[in-house]
Amino acid sequence: MKSKILKWTLKIVIGLLCLWIAVGVTDYVLVKNDHIPIFCLEKQSRYYGLGYYYDVYNHPITGNFEYAFTLFGHMVTSTFTD
């Protein structure tokens, strides 16, 4: 009985982890291709997801779409220019 419950719990956890990864990768690909993320909530120029967020804006001089990706509070990548 316990092994059955453990197997179901493990399947649910793995399923939720795969779903979270798919959502995060989808948002990352969208932002990398100069689009806004679809699975995030917007607050000013920051988009919040589950455990990650993006700072996005258009550069005032060049007009390029720039972003910074932060995962669990650690900056992963940024295209911001000075």
Protein backbone atom coordinates (compact mmCIF):
# COMPACT_ATOMS: atom_id res chain seq x y z
CA MET A 1 0.00 0.00 0.00
CA LYS A 2 2.77 2.44 0.90
CA SER A 3 4.67 1.72 -2.30
CA LYS A 4 1.54 2.43 -4.34
CA ILE A 5 1.11 5.82 -2.65
CA LEU A 6 4.81 6.57 -3.10
CA LYS A 7 4.65 5.74 -6.81
CA TRP A 8 1.63 8.01 -7.36
CA THR A 9 3.25 10.81 -5.38
CA LEU A 10 6.44 10.47 -7.40
CA LYS A 11 4.49 10.51 -10.67
CA ILE A 12 2.64 13.67 -9.63
CA VAL A 13 5.85 15.43 -8.57
CA ILE A 14 7.62 14.48 -11.81
CA GLY A 15 4.59 15.59 -13.83
CA LEU A 16 4.46 18.98 -12.10
CA LEU A 17 8.20 19.44 -12.54
CA CYS A 18 7.92 18.67 -16.28
CA LEU A 19 5.02 21.13 -16.59
CA TRP A 20 7.00 23.86 -14.78
CA ILE A 21 10.01 23.28 -17.06
CA ALA A 22 7.81 23.42 -20.17
CA VAL A 23 6.21 26.70 -19.05
CA GLY A 24 9.60 28.23 -18.20
CA VAL A 25 11.18 27.16 -21.49
CA THR A 26 8.20 28.51 -23.44
CA ASP A 27 8.50 31.91 -21.76
CA TYR A 28 12.28 31.95 -22.25
CA VAL A 29 12.00 31.20 -25.97
CA LEU A 30 9.34 33.89 -26.39
CA VAL A 31 11.43 36.53 -24.60
CA LYS A 32 14.58 35.52 -26.47
CA ASN A 33 12.68 36.04 -29.75
CA ASP A 34 11.54 39.57 -28.77
CA HIS A 35 8.04 38.70 -27.53
CA ILE A 36 6.47 39.06 -24.11
CA PRO A 37 6.10 35.90 -21.98
CA ILE A 38 2.61 34.38 -21.84
CA PHE A 39 2.79 32.50 -18.52
CA CYS A 40 3.89 35.50 -16.43
CA LEU A 41 2.16 38.29 -14.57
CA GLU A 42 3.21 41.81 -15.55
CA LYS A 43 4.06 44.48 -12.99
CA GLN A 44 5.58 47.60 -14.60
CA SER A 45 8.39 46.32 -16.83
CA ARG A 46 8.90 43.06 -14.91
CA TYR A 47 7.19 39.77 -15.73
CA TYR A 48 6.86 37.29 -12.85
CA GLY A 49 6.61 33.54 -13.37
CA LEU A 50 6.82 30.66 -10.88
CA GLY A 51 10.35 30.99 -9.50
CA TYR A 52 11.63 33.21 -12.30
CA TYR A 53 11.12 36.68 -13.70
CA TYR A 54 12.12 38.85 -16.65
CA ASP A 55 13.02 42.52 -16.74
CA VAL A 56 12.22 43.70 -20.27
CA TYR A 57 12.23 47.01 -22.08
CA ASN A 58 13.01 48.64 -25.42
CA HIS A 59 16.35 50.43 -25.44
CA PRO A 60 15.66 54.19 -25.64
CA ILE A 61 18.32 54.92 -28.27
CA THR A 62 18.55 51.81 -30.44
CA GLY A 63 14.98 50.57 -29.92
CA ASN A 64 16.21 47.01 -29.40
CA PHE A 65 14.22 44.65 -27.19
CA GLU A 66 16.40 43.88 -24.14
CA TYR A 67 15.80 41.52 -21.24
CA ALA A 68 17.32 40.01 -18.11
CA PHE A 69 16.29 36.52 -16.95
CA THR A 70 16.45 35.72 -13.24
CA LEU A 71 15.85 32.21 -11.84
CA PHE A 72 15.28 31.80 -8.08
CA GLY A 73 16.90 35.19 -7.41
CA HIS A 74 20.06 34.59 -9.49
CA MET A 75 20.55 36.37 -12.82
CA VAL A 76 20.98 33.78 -15.56
CA THR A 77 21.30 35.89 -18.70
CA SER A 78 21.00 39.51 -19.74
CA THR A 79 21.08 41.45 -23.00
CA PHE A 80 21.10 44.91 -21.38
CA THR A 81 23.59 47.33 -22.88
CA ASP A 82 25.10 50.42 -21.33
